[in-house]
Amino acid sequence: MKILLQIFLLCFISELAVAQLVSWRDLVEGDLPQPTERIYYGTSEHTFGELWLPDEEPHTSVILFHGGCWLDIYPGVEIMNHMANALKEAGFAVWNVEYSRLGQEGVGYPDTFRSAVFGSDFFQRVAADHNLNRDRVILAGHSAGGHLATWLAARHNIPEESPLNMDIYSELHERVEIHGVISLAGINDLQRYSNYGASSCGENTVERLVDYENRGSDAYLDTSPAELLPMGVPFIEVSAAFDAPVPPFFGFHFVNQAKAAGDDATHILQTNAGHFEMIAPWSDEWQKVLNLFLNLLD
């Protein structure tokens, strides 16, 4: 029995080593593909998006949010350059959004959420200026960016009294209409993640993001997608079996919550992958993710 257990552990560790082959450094080192244009949607140096335009007229538009635990110590939009470029080559127009993150001067609740709103809604102006398709818009993000993408799709359920209810700014900008969401290892239940998985993002990161110290458990009511269901649009969550920062049970549980709320929600498990394969275009896992983008609105 002991020998069998050792063989099992050896096989498991070998699989894990293969699955974790891609790291965030692989996605930002070397010569990166470059966007068509950088456009600022706010006055801060951190409030901009990068537009990726295909050679031919794009069939679908993607609003994309990067991960990194909502912290400025990690790479920003550049970590999604390979993915954005791969989507561009597949005929998508991509609006890759940078947003305010913890660690930047003066940033805290509600800044990260508000900048995500302004960044996504600014796509209306970008689309008008570049004649992009606004009838087929997919929101997507990876990890913490998956949380923001999902949260934006559910923001119509934010309580009226919340400072994150951005309808008060309706005269300044038009809310972008979303037709589907793809969350890649998204952190979509903030309270659950804070309780069980947040150490990967550092101590108290989630609490700082939602201002738990001053708001208590109510802090999740306007910040966590799990508290804002249903979304009302098709939703796909992709998880990876060997994802250490966001283990797959988070995605499985959230999709079950979304289904219970009446959403058209799907959970996909990549059985031989870690946290970053799904956004690395040279991986087999990315090819499966690309097919999700191509088929989501068909």
C-alpha atoms as a PDB file:
ATOM      1  CA  MET A   1       0.000   0.000   0.000  1.00  0.00           C
ATOM      2  CA  LYS A   2       2.826   2.391   0.867  1.00  0.00           C
ATOM      3  CA  ILE A   3       4.505   1.736  -2.473  1.00  0.00           C
ATOM      4  CA  LEU A   4       1.249   2.313  -4.349  1.00  0.00           C
ATOM      5  CA  LEU A   5       0.759   5.593  -2.495  1.00  0.00           C
ATOM      6  CA  GLN A   6       4.276   6.712  -3.393  1.00  0.00           C
ATOM      7  CA  ILE A   7       3.658   5.870  -7.056  1.00  0.00           C
ATOM      8  CA  PHE A   8       0.392   7.821  -6.991  1.00  0.00           C
ATOM      9  CA  LEU A   9       2.055  10.864  -5.426  1.00  0.00           C
ATOM     10  CA  LEU A  10       4.906  10.709  -7.915  1.00  0.00           C
ATOM     11  CA  CYS A  11       2.452  10.639 -10.827  1.00  0.00           C
ATOM     12  CA  PHE A  12       0.449  13.489  -9.307  1.00  0.00           C
ATOM     13  CA  ILE A  13       3.533  15.641  -8.780  1.00  0.00           C
ATOM     14  CA  SER A  14       4.708  14.908 -12.322  1.00  0.00           C
ATOM     15  CA  GLU A  15       1.345  15.977 -13.707  1.00  0.00           C
ATOM     16  CA  LEU A  16       1.426  19.099 -11.555  1.00  0.00           C
ATOM     17  CA  ALA A  17       4.903  20.030 -12.790  1.00  0.00           C
ATOM     18  CA  VAL A  18       3.719  19.802 -16.381  1.00  0.00           C
ATOM     19  CA  ALA A  19       0.511  21.673 -15.643  1.00  0.00           C
ATOM     20  CA  GLN A  20       2.320  24.593 -14.008  1.00  0.00           C
ATOM     21  CA  LEU A  21       4.758  24.994 -16.890  1.00  0.00           C
ATOM     22  CA  VAL A  22       3.379  28.426 -17.838  1.00  0.00           C
ATOM     23  CA  SER A  23       3.997  31.256 -15.353  1.00  0.00           C
ATOM     24  CA  TRP A  24       3.086  34.930 -15.491  1.00  0.00           C
ATOM     25  CA  ARG A  25       6.685  35.709 -16.368  1.00  0.00           C
ATOM     26  CA  ASP A  26       6.346  33.673 -19.566  1.00  0.00           C
ATOM     27  CA  LEU A  27       3.572  36.040 -20.601  1.00  0.00           C
ATOM     28  CA  VAL A  28       5.461  39.312 -20.107  1.00  0.00           C
ATOM     29  CA  GLU A  29       9.101  38.545 -20.918  1.00  0.00           C
ATOM     30  CA  GLY A  30      10.652  38.934 -24.344  1.00  0.00           C
ATOM     31  CA  ASP A  31       9.208  40.776 -27.319  1.00  0.00           C
ATOM     32  CA  LEU A  32       5.502  41.249 -26.825  1.00  0.00           C
ATOM     33  CA  PRO A  33       2.974  41.864 -29.610  1.00  0.00           C
ATOM     34  CA  GLN A  34       1.835  45.471 -29.506  1.00  0.00           C
ATOM     35  CA  PRO A  35      -1.659  46.997 -29.652  1.00  0.00           C
ATOM     36  CA  THR A  36      -3.016  49.198 -32.382  1.00  0.00           C
ATOM     37  CA  GLU A  37      -3.505  52.157 -30.062  1.00  0.00           C
ATOM     38  CA  ARG A  38      -3.494  53.207 -26.387  1.00  0.00           C
ATOM     39  CA  ILE A  39      -6.430  55.423 -25.392  1.00  0.00           C
ATOM     40  CA  TYR A  40      -7.005  57.088 -22.024  1.00  0.00           C
ATOM     41  CA  TYR A  41     -10.508  56.970 -20.564  1.00  0.00           C
ATOM     42  CA  GLY A  42      -9.586  58.911 -17.406  1.00  0.00           C
ATOM     43  CA  THR A  43      -7.120  61.471 -16.100  1.00  0.00           C
ATOM     44  CA  SER A  44      -4.920  59.044 -14.154  1.00  0.00           C
ATOM     45  CA  GLU A  45      -1.920  57.408 -15.802  1.00  0.00           C
ATOM     46  CA  HIS A  46      -3.512  54.079 -14.831  1.00  0.00           C
ATOM     47  CA  THR A  47      -6.862  54.663 -16.550  1.00  0.00           C
ATOM     48  CA  PHE A  48      -6.412  53.629 -20.153  1.00  0.00           C
ATOM     49  CA  GLY A  49      -7.214  50.841 -22.535  1.00  0.00           C
ATOM     50  CA  GLU A  50      -5.316  49.310 -25.411  1.00  0.00           C
ATOM     51  CA  LEU A  51      -7.150  48.660 -28.640  1.00  0.00           C
ATOM     52  CA  TRP A  52      -6.307  45.677 -30.838  1.00  0.00           C
ATOM     53  CA  LEU A  53      -7.835  45.796 -34.329  1.00  0.00           C
ATOM     54  CA  PRO A  54      -7.783  42.932 -36.849  1.00  0.00           C
ATOM     55  CA  ASP A  55      -6.916  43.558 -40.473  1.00  0.00           C
ATOM     56  CA  GLU A  56     -10.480  42.867 -41.579  1.00  0.00           C
ATOM     57  CA  GLU A  57     -13.746  44.146 -40.101  1.00  0.00           C
ATOM     58  CA  PRO A  58     -14.138  42.498 -36.671  1.00  0.00           C
ATOM     59  CA  HIS A  59     -17.074  40.127 -36.214  1.00  0.00           C
ATOM     60  CA  THR A  60     -17.174  40.461 -32.395  1.00  0.00           C
ATOM     61  CA  SER A  61     -15.803  42.868 -29.793  1.00  0.00           C
ATOM     62  CA  VAL A  62     -14.101  41.761 -26.579  1.00  0.00           C
ATOM     63  CA  ILE A  63     -13.637  43.921 -23.474  1.00  0.00           C
ATOM     64  CA  LEU A  64     -10.762  42.328 -21.593  1.00  0.00           C
ATOM     65  CA  PHE A  65      -9.537  42.643 -17.993  1.00  0.00           C
ATOM     66  CA  HIS A  66      -6.208  41.363 -16.711  1.00  0.00           C
ATOM     67  CA  GLY A  67      -5.597  39.663 -13.375  1.00  0.00           C
ATOM     68  CA  GLY A  68      -2.961  40.106 -10.705  1.00  0.00           C
ATOM     69  CA  CYS A  69      -4.920  40.103  -7.437  1.00  0.00           C
ATOM     70  CA  TRP A  70      -6.094  43.691  -7.997  1.00  0.00           C
ATOM     71  CA  LEU A  71      -2.542  44.716  -6.908  1.00  0.00           C
ATOM     72  CA  ASP A  72      -0.177  47.067  -8.710  1.00  0.00           C
ATOM     73  CA  ILE A  73       2.878  44.952  -7.797  1.00  0.00           C
ATOM     74  CA  TYR A  74       1.985  42.580 -10.636  1.00  0.00           C
ATOM     75  CA  PRO A  75       2.009  43.235 -14.400  1.00  0.00           C
ATOM     76  CA  GLY A  76      -0.904  45.142 -15.899  1.00  0.00           C
ATOM     77  CA  VAL A  77      -2.440  45.010 -19.380  1.00  0.00           C
ATOM     78  CA  GLU A  78       0.770  43.641 -20.873  1.00  0.00           C
ATOM     79  CA  ILE A  79       0.152  40.228 -19.321  1.00  0.00           C
ATOM     80  CA  MET A  80      -2.801  39.916 -21.717  1.00  0.00           C
ATOM     81  CA  ASN A  81      -0.912  41.042 -24.839  1.00  0.00           C
ATOM     82  CA  HIS A  82      -0.443  37.534 -26.206  1.00  0.00           C
ATOM     83  CA  MET A  83      -4.104  36.685 -25.632  1.00  0.00           C
ATOM     84  CA  ALA A  84      -5.307  40.000 -27.091  1.00  0.00           C
ATOM     85  CA  ASN A  85      -3.150  39.473 -30.149  1.00  0.00           C
ATOM     86  CA  ALA A  86      -4.449  35.928 -30.621  1.00  0.00           C
ATOM     87  CA  LEU A  87      -8.028  37.195 -30.429  1.00  0.00           C
ATOM     88  CA  LYS A  88      -7.183  39.946 -32.913  1.00  0.00           C
ATOM     89  CA  GLU A  89      -5.775  37.381 -35.337  1.00  0.00           C
ATOM     90  CA  ALA A  90      -9.026  35.409 -34.975  1.00  0.00           C
ATOM     91  CA  GLY A  91     -11.052  38.442 -36.103  1.00  0.00           C
ATOM     92  CA  PHE A  92     -11.995  40.045 -32.783  1.00  0.00           C
ATOM     93  CA  ALA A  93     -11.621  43.700 -31.846  1.00  0.00           C
ATOM     94  CA  VAL A  94     -10.154  43.796 -28.334  1.00  0.00           C
ATOM     95  CA  TRP A  95     -10.365  46.611 -25.785  1.00  0.00           C
ATOM     96  CA  ASN A  96      -7.807  45.592 -23.124  1.00  0.00           C
ATOM     97  CA  VAL A  97      -8.512  47.670 -20.006  1.00  0.00           C
ATOM     98  CA  GLU A  98      -6.092  48.940 -17.382  1.00  0.00           C
ATOM     99  CA  TYR A  99      -7.720  49.964 -14.112  1.00  0.00           C
ATOM    100  CA  SER A 100      -6.914  51.428 -10.704  1.00  0.00           C
ATOM    101  CA  ARG A 101      -5.278  48.858  -8.411  1.00  0.00           C
ATOM    102  CA  LEU A 102      -4.423  48.519  -4.750  1.00  0.00           C
ATOM    103  CA  GLY A 103      -1.012  49.988  -4.010  1.00  0.00           C
ATOM    104  CA  GLN A 104      -1.426  53.016  -6.240  1.00  0.00           C
ATOM    105  CA  GLU A 105      -1.604  56.334  -4.440  1.00  0.00           C
ATOM    106  CA  GLY A 106      -5.048  57.069  -3.066  1.00  0.00           C
ATOM    107  CA  VAL A 107      -6.619  53.906  -4.463  1.00  0.00           C
ATOM    108  CA  GLY A 108      -9.084  51.899  -2.386  1.00  0.00           C
ATOM    109  CA  TYR A 109     -12.768  51.110  -2.433  1.00  0.00           C
ATOM    110  CA  PRO A 110     -14.588  52.168  -4.563  1.00  0.00           C
ATOM    111  CA  ASP A 111     -11.841  53.193  -7.026  1.00  0.00           C
ATOM    112  CA  THR A 112     -10.986  49.838  -8.589  1.00  0.00           C
ATOM    113  CA  PHE A 113     -14.644  49.144  -9.318  1.00  0.00           C
ATOM    114  CA  ARG A 114     -15.380  52.619 -10.618  1.00  0.00           C
ATOM    115  CA  SER A 115     -12.408  52.579 -12.967  1.00  0.00           C
ATOM    116  CA  ALA A 116     -13.557  49.184 -14.269  1.00  0.00           C
ATOM    117  CA  VAL A 117     -16.969  50.719 -15.002  1.00  0.00           C
ATOM    118  CA  PHE A 118     -15.536  53.765 -16.750  1.00  0.00           C
ATOM    119  CA  GLY A 119     -13.028  51.630 -18.635  1.00  0.00           C
ATOM    120  CA  SER A 120     -15.629  49.198 -19.948  1.00  0.00           C
ATOM    121  CA  ASP A 121     -18.236  51.862 -20.756  1.00  0.00           C
ATOM    122  CA  PHE A 122     -15.636  53.921 -22.597  1.00  0.00           C
ATOM    123  CA  PHE A 123     -15.726  51.173 -25.191  1.00  0.00           C
ATOM    124  CA  GLN A 124     -18.879  52.860 -26.489  1.00  0.00           C
ATOM    125  CA  ARG A 125     -16.816  55.838 -27.583  1.00  0.00           C
ATOM    126  CA  VAL A 126     -13.990  53.658 -28.897  1.00  0.00           C
ATOM    127  CA  ALA A 127     -16.459  51.550 -30.885  1.00  0.00           C
ATOM    128  CA  ALA A 128     -18.103  54.623 -32.377  1.00  0.00           C
ATOM    129  CA  ASP A 129     -14.764  56.130 -33.385  1.00  0.00           C
ATOM    130  CA  HIS A 130     -13.543  52.889 -34.990  1.00  0.00           C
ATOM    131  CA  ASN A 131     -16.844  51.506 -36.310  1.00  0.00           C
ATOM    132  CA  LEU A 132     -16.687  48.397 -34.129  1.00  0.00           C
ATOM    133  CA  ASN A 133     -19.450  45.873 -33.571  1.00  0.00           C
ATOM    134  CA  ARG A 134     -21.564  46.780 -30.527  1.00  0.00           C
ATOM    135  CA  ASP A 135     -24.177  44.085 -31.195  1.00  0.00           C
ATOM    136  CA  ARG A 136     -21.765  41.290 -30.251  1.00  0.00           C
ATOM    137  CA  VAL A 137     -19.780  42.240 -27.166  1.00  0.00           C
ATOM    138  CA  ILE A 138     -18.088  39.703 -24.888  1.00  0.00           C
ATOM    139  CA  LEU A 139     -16.741  40.655 -21.471  1.00  0.00           C
ATOM    140  CA  ALA A 140     -13.770  38.553 -20.438  1.00  0.00           C
ATOM    141  CA  GLY A 141     -11.074  38.507 -17.802  1.00  0.00           C
ATOM    142  CA  HIS A 142      -8.521  36.339 -16.085  1.00  0.00           C
ATOM    143  CA  SER A 143      -8.335  35.740 -12.321  1.00  0.00           C
ATOM    144  CA  ALA A 144      -8.986  39.111 -10.621  1.00  0.00           C
ATOM    145  CA  GLY A 145      -9.905  40.372 -14.084  1.00  0.00           C
ATOM    146  CA  GLY A 146     -12.420  37.543 -14.340  1.00  0.00           C
ATOM    147  CA  HIS A 147     -13.993  38.896 -11.176  1.00  0.00           C
ATOM    148  CA  LEU A 148     -14.249  42.388 -12.662  1.00  0.00           C
ATOM    149  CA  ALA A 149     -15.715  41.115 -15.938  1.00  0.00           C
ATOM    150  CA  THR A 150     -18.336  39.052 -14.117  1.00  0.00           C
ATOM    151  CA  TRP A 151     -19.071  41.894 -11.705  1.00  0.00           C
ATOM    152  CA  LEU A 152     -19.634  44.281 -14.608  1.00  0.00           C
ATOM    153  CA  ALA A 153     -22.097  41.859 -16.171  1.00  0.00           C
ATOM    154  CA  ALA A 154     -24.042  41.776 -12.881  1.00  0.00           C
ATOM    155  CA  ARG A 155     -23.775  45.455 -11.965  1.00  0.00           C
ATOM    156  CA  HIS A 156     -27.395  46.133 -12.851  1.00  0.00           C
ATOM    157  CA  ASN A 157     -28.233  44.413  -9.530  1.00  0.00           C
ATOM    158  CA  ILE A 158     -26.078  46.708  -7.384  1.00  0.00           C
ATOM    159  CA  PRO A 159     -28.157  48.314  -4.599  1.00  0.00           C
ATOM    160  CA  GLU A 160     -29.247  51.864  -5.372  1.00  0.00           C
ATOM    161  CA  GLU A 161     -27.581  53.277  -2.263  1.00  0.00           C
ATOM    162  CA  SER A 162     -24.172  51.862  -3.169  1.00  0.00           C
ATOM    163  CA  PRO A 163     -21.416  54.240  -4.337  1.00  0.00           C
ATOM    164  CA  LEU A 164     -20.828  51.655  -7.055  1.00  0.00           C
ATOM    165  CA  ASN A 165     -24.242  52.324  -8.569  1.00  0.00           C
ATOM    166  CA  MET A 166     -22.916  54.332 -11.489  1.00  0.00           C
ATOM    167  CA  ASP A 167     -26.249  55.353 -12.984  1.00  0.00           C
ATOM    168  CA  ILE A 168     -25.636  58.796 -11.488  1.00  0.00           C
ATOM    169  CA  TYR A 169     -23.019  59.225 -14.207  1.00  0.00           C
ATOM    170  CA  SER A 170     -25.387  58.252 -17.022  1.00  0.00           C
ATOM    171  CA  GLU A 171     -25.256  61.749 -18.502  1.00  0.00           C
ATOM    172  CA  LEU A 172     -21.481  61.465 -18.848  1.00  0.00           C
ATOM    173  CA  HIS A 173     -21.292  58.065 -20.456  1.00  0.00           C
ATOM    174  CA  GLU A 174     -23.467  55.312 -21.878  1.00  0.00           C
ATOM    175  CA  ARG A 175     -23.454  51.882 -20.252  1.00  0.00           C
ATOM    176  CA  VAL A 176     -22.037  49.286 -22.612  1.00  0.00           C
ATOM    177  CA  GLU A 177     -24.389  46.424 -23.467  1.00  0.00           C
ATOM    178  CA  ILE A 178     -22.899  42.994 -22.798  1.00  0.00           C
ATOM    179  CA  HIS A 179     -23.980  39.860 -24.646  1.00  0.00           C
ATOM    180  CA  GLY A 180     -21.845  37.209 -22.939  1.00  0.00           C
ATOM    181  CA  VAL A 181     -19.122  36.668 -20.338  1.00  0.00           C
ATOM    182  CA  ILE A 182     -16.069  34.398 -20.257  1.00  0.00           C
ATOM    183  CA  SER A 183     -14.380  34.263 -16.870  1.00  0.00           C
ATOM    184  CA  LEU A 184     -10.983  32.559 -16.898  1.00  0.00           C
ATOM    185  CA  ALA A 185     -10.140  31.363 -13.373  1.00  0.00           C
ATOM    186  CA  GLY A 186     -12.310  34.206 -12.109  1.00  0.00           C
ATOM    187  CA  ILE A 187     -12.555  35.044  -8.413  1.00  0.00           C
ATOM    188  CA  ASN A 188     -16.305  35.498  -8.450  1.00  0.00           C
ATOM    189  CA  ASP A 189     -17.265  34.814  -4.842  1.00  0.00           C
ATOM    190  CA  LEU A 190     -15.137  37.272  -2.881  1.00  0.00           C
ATOM    191  CA  GLN A 191     -16.240  36.195   0.571  1.00  0.00           C
ATOM    192  CA  ARG A 192     -15.590  32.530  -0.170  1.00  0.00           C
ATOM    193  CA  TYR A 193     -12.215  33.404  -1.659  1.00  0.00           C
ATOM    194  CA  SER A 194     -11.338  35.540   1.356  1.00  0.00           C
ATOM    195  CA  ASN A 195     -12.180  32.641   3.661  1.00  0.00           C
ATOM    196  CA  TYR A 196     -10.468  29.841   1.759  1.00  0.00           C
ATOM    197  CA  GLY A 197      -8.141  30.982  -0.990  1.00  0.00           C
ATOM    198  CA  ALA A 198      -7.037  34.577  -0.641  1.00  0.00           C
ATOM    199  CA  SER A 199      -3.582  33.822   0.759  1.00  0.00           C
ATOM    200  CA  SER A 200      -2.377  33.477  -2.837  1.00  0.00           C
ATOM    201  CA  CYS A 201      -3.082  37.192  -3.210  1.00  0.00           C
ATOM    202  CA  GLY A 202      -1.579  38.164   0.141  1.00  0.00           C
ATOM    203  CA  GLU A 203      -3.149  38.813   3.491  1.00  0.00           C
ATOM    204  CA  ASN A 204      -6.248  41.042   3.581  1.00  0.00           C
ATOM    205  CA  THR A 205      -6.158  41.855  -0.136  1.00  0.00           C
ATOM    206  CA  VAL A 206      -9.827  41.071  -0.663  1.00  0.00           C
ATOM    207  CA  GLU A 207     -10.714  42.907   2.530  1.00  0.00           C
ATOM    208  CA  ARG A 208      -8.854  45.995   1.327  1.00  0.00           C
ATOM    209  CA  LEU A 209     -10.487  45.765  -2.083  1.00  0.00           C
ATOM    210  CA  VAL A 210     -13.994  45.883  -0.608  1.00  0.00           C
ATOM    211  CA  ASP A 211     -13.169  48.037   2.469  1.00  0.00           C
ATOM    212  CA  TYR A 212     -14.226  45.307   4.865  1.00  0.00           C
ATOM    213  CA  GLU A 213     -12.731  47.138   7.843  1.00  0.00           C
ATOM    214  CA  ASN A 214     -15.259  49.952   7.560  1.00  0.00           C
ATOM    215  CA  ARG A 215     -18.151  48.141   5.898  1.00  0.00           C
ATOM    216  CA  GLY A 216     -18.179  44.699   7.487  1.00  0.00           C
ATOM    217  CA  SER A 217     -19.951  41.806   5.765  1.00  0.00           C
ATOM    218  CA  ASP A 218     -22.061  44.293   3.773  1.00  0.00           C
ATOM    219  CA  ALA A 219     -18.891  45.023   1.825  1.00  0.00           C
ATOM    220  CA  TYR A 220     -19.589  42.008  -0.380  1.00  0.00           C
ATOM    221  CA  LEU A 221     -23.119  43.026  -1.341  1.00  0.00           C
ATOM    222  CA  ASP A 222     -22.028  45.440  -4.084  1.00  0.00           C
ATOM    223  CA  THR A 223     -18.602  43.974  -4.927  1.00  0.00           C
ATOM    224  CA  SER A 224     -18.999  40.200  -5.204  1.00  0.00           C
ATOM    225  CA  PRO A 225     -20.701  38.729  -8.287  1.00  0.00           C
ATOM    226  CA  ALA A 226     -22.026  35.912  -6.103  1.00  0.00           C
ATOM    227  CA  GLU A 227     -24.200  38.507  -4.331  1.00  0.00           C
ATOM    228  CA  LEU A 228     -25.436  40.130  -7.562  1.00  0.00           C
ATOM    229  CA  LEU A 229     -26.933  37.244  -9.508  1.00  0.00           C
ATOM    230  CA  PRO A 230     -28.506  36.732 -11.959  1.00  0.00           C
ATOM    231  CA  MET A 231     -26.363  38.235 -14.702  1.00  0.00           C
ATOM    232  CA  GLY A 232     -28.900  37.659 -17.456  1.00  0.00           C
ATOM    233  CA  VAL A 233     -26.367  36.807 -20.191  1.00  0.00           C
ATOM    234  CA  PRO A 234     -24.605  33.566 -21.183  1.00  0.00           C
ATOM    235  CA  PHE A 235     -21.711  32.894 -18.831  1.00  0.00           C
ATOM    236  CA  ILE A 236     -18.749  30.517 -19.034  1.00  0.00           C
ATOM    237  CA  GLU A 237     -16.272  29.861 -16.235  1.00  0.00           C
ATOM    238  CA  VAL A 238     -13.027  28.084 -17.127  1.00  0.00           C
ATOM    239  CA  SER A 239     -11.080  26.473 -14.292  1.00  0.00           C
ATOM    240  CA  ALA A 240      -7.841  24.496 -14.231  1.00  0.00           C
ATOM    241  CA  ALA A 241      -7.278  21.365 -12.187  1.00  0.00           C
ATOM    242  CA  PHE A 242      -3.818  22.444 -11.021  1.00  0.00           C
ATOM    243  CA  ASP A 243      -4.610  26.116 -10.448  1.00  0.00           C
ATOM    244  CA  ALA A 244      -3.035  27.010  -7.096  1.00  0.00           C
ATOM    245  CA  PRO A 245      -4.185  30.670  -6.850  1.00  0.00           C
ATOM    246  CA  VAL A 246      -7.807  29.912  -7.819  1.00  0.00           C
ATOM    247  CA  PRO A 247      -8.590  26.209  -7.312  1.00  0.00           C
ATOM    248  CA  PRO A 248     -11.375  24.864  -9.526  1.00  0.00           C
ATOM    249  CA  PHE A 249     -13.931  24.399  -6.764  1.00  0.00           C
ATOM    250  CA  PHE A 250     -14.411  28.196  -6.760  1.00  0.00           C
ATOM    251  CA  GLY A 251     -15.562  28.117 -10.384  1.00  0.00           C
ATOM    252  CA  PHE A 252     -17.692  25.026  -9.872  1.00  0.00           C
ATOM    253  CA  HIS A 253     -19.464  26.546  -6.890  1.00  0.00           C
ATOM    254  CA  PHE A 254     -20.091  29.911  -8.565  1.00  0.00           C
ATOM    255  CA  VAL A 255     -21.555  28.347 -11.698  1.00  0.00           C
ATOM    256  CA  ASN A 256     -23.940  26.330  -9.553  1.00  0.00           C
ATOM    257  CA  GLN A 257     -24.992  29.565  -7.833  1.00  0.00           C
ATOM    258  CA  ALA A 258     -25.534  31.250 -11.198  1.00  0.00           C
ATOM    259  CA  LYS A 259     -27.615  28.344 -12.481  1.00  0.00           C
ATOM    260  CA  ALA A 260     -29.720  28.379  -9.328  1.00  0.00           C
ATOM    261  CA  ALA A 261     -30.378  32.081  -9.949  1.00  0.00           C
ATOM    262  CA  GLY A 262     -31.600  31.317 -13.466  1.00  0.00           C
ATOM    263  CA  ASP A 263     -28.491  32.120 -15.501  1.00  0.00           C
ATOM    264  CA  ASP A 264     -27.284  30.207 -18.548  1.00  0.00           C
ATOM    265  CA  ALA A 265     -23.958  29.233 -16.957  1.00  0.00           C
ATOM    266  CA  THR A 266     -21.335  26.650 -17.902  1.00  0.00           C
ATOM    267  CA  HIS A 267     -18.290  25.387 -16.006  1.00  0.00           C
ATOM    268  CA  ILE A 268     -15.360  23.982 -17.975  1.00  0.00           C
ATOM    269  CA  LEU A 269     -12.476  22.201 -16.248  1.00  0.00           C
ATOM    270  CA  GLN A 270      -9.084  21.978 -17.925  1.00  0.00           C
ATOM    271  CA  THR A 271      -7.672  18.785 -16.487  1.00  0.00           C
ATOM    272  CA  ASN A 272      -3.966  19.230 -17.187  1.00  0.00           C
ATOM    273  CA  ALA A 273      -3.397  22.948 -16.679  1.00  0.00           C
ATOM    274  CA  GLY A 274      -2.472  25.562 -14.123  1.00  0.00           C
ATOM    275  CA  HIS A 275      -3.423  29.202 -13.700  1.00  0.00           C
ATOM    276  CA  PHE A 276      -1.918  30.660 -16.879  1.00  0.00           C
ATOM    277  CA  GLU A 277      -2.170  28.071 -19.658  1.00  0.00           C
ATOM    278  CA  MET A 278      -5.664  29.300 -20.509  1.00  0.00           C
ATOM    279  CA  ILE A 279      -4.317  32.731 -21.563  1.00  0.00           C
ATOM    280  CA  ALA A 280      -1.129  31.482 -23.247  1.00  0.00           C
ATOM    281  CA  PRO A 281      -1.800  31.159 -27.008  1.00  0.00           C
ATOM    282  CA  TRP A 282       0.953  28.567 -27.479  1.00  0.00           C
ATOM    283  CA  SER A 283      -0.860  26.102 -25.189  1.00  0.00           C
ATOM    284  CA  ASP A 284      -3.457  23.496 -26.100  1.00  0.00           C
ATOM    285  CA  GLU A 285      -5.685  24.954 -23.390  1.00  0.00           C
ATOM    286  CA  TRP A 286      -5.787  28.318 -25.132  1.00  0.00           C
ATOM    287  CA  GLN A 287      -7.057  26.752 -28.347  1.00  0.00           C
ATOM    288  CA  LYS A 288     -10.040  25.423 -26.401  1.00  0.00           C
ATOM    289  CA  VAL A 289     -10.604  28.845 -24.846  1.00  0.00           C
ATOM    290  CA  LEU A 290     -10.469  30.486 -28.271  1.00  0.00           C
ATOM    291  CA  ASN A 291     -13.221  28.157 -29.447  1.00  0.00           C
ATOM    292  CA  LEU A 292     -15.354  29.375 -26.539  1.00  0.00           C
ATOM    293  CA  PHE A 293     -14.973  32.944 -27.794  1.00  0.00           C
ATOM    294  CA  LEU A 294     -15.802  31.920 -31.343  1.00  0.00           C
ATOM    295  CA  ASN A 295     -18.914  29.975 -30.350  1.00  0.00           C
ATOM    296  CA  LEU A 296     -20.341  31.877 -27.367  1.00  0.00           C
ATOM    297  CA  LEU A 297     -22.674  34.175 -29.317  1.00  0.00           C
ATOM    298  CA  ASP A 298     -23.507  31.799 -32.190  1.00  0.00           C
END
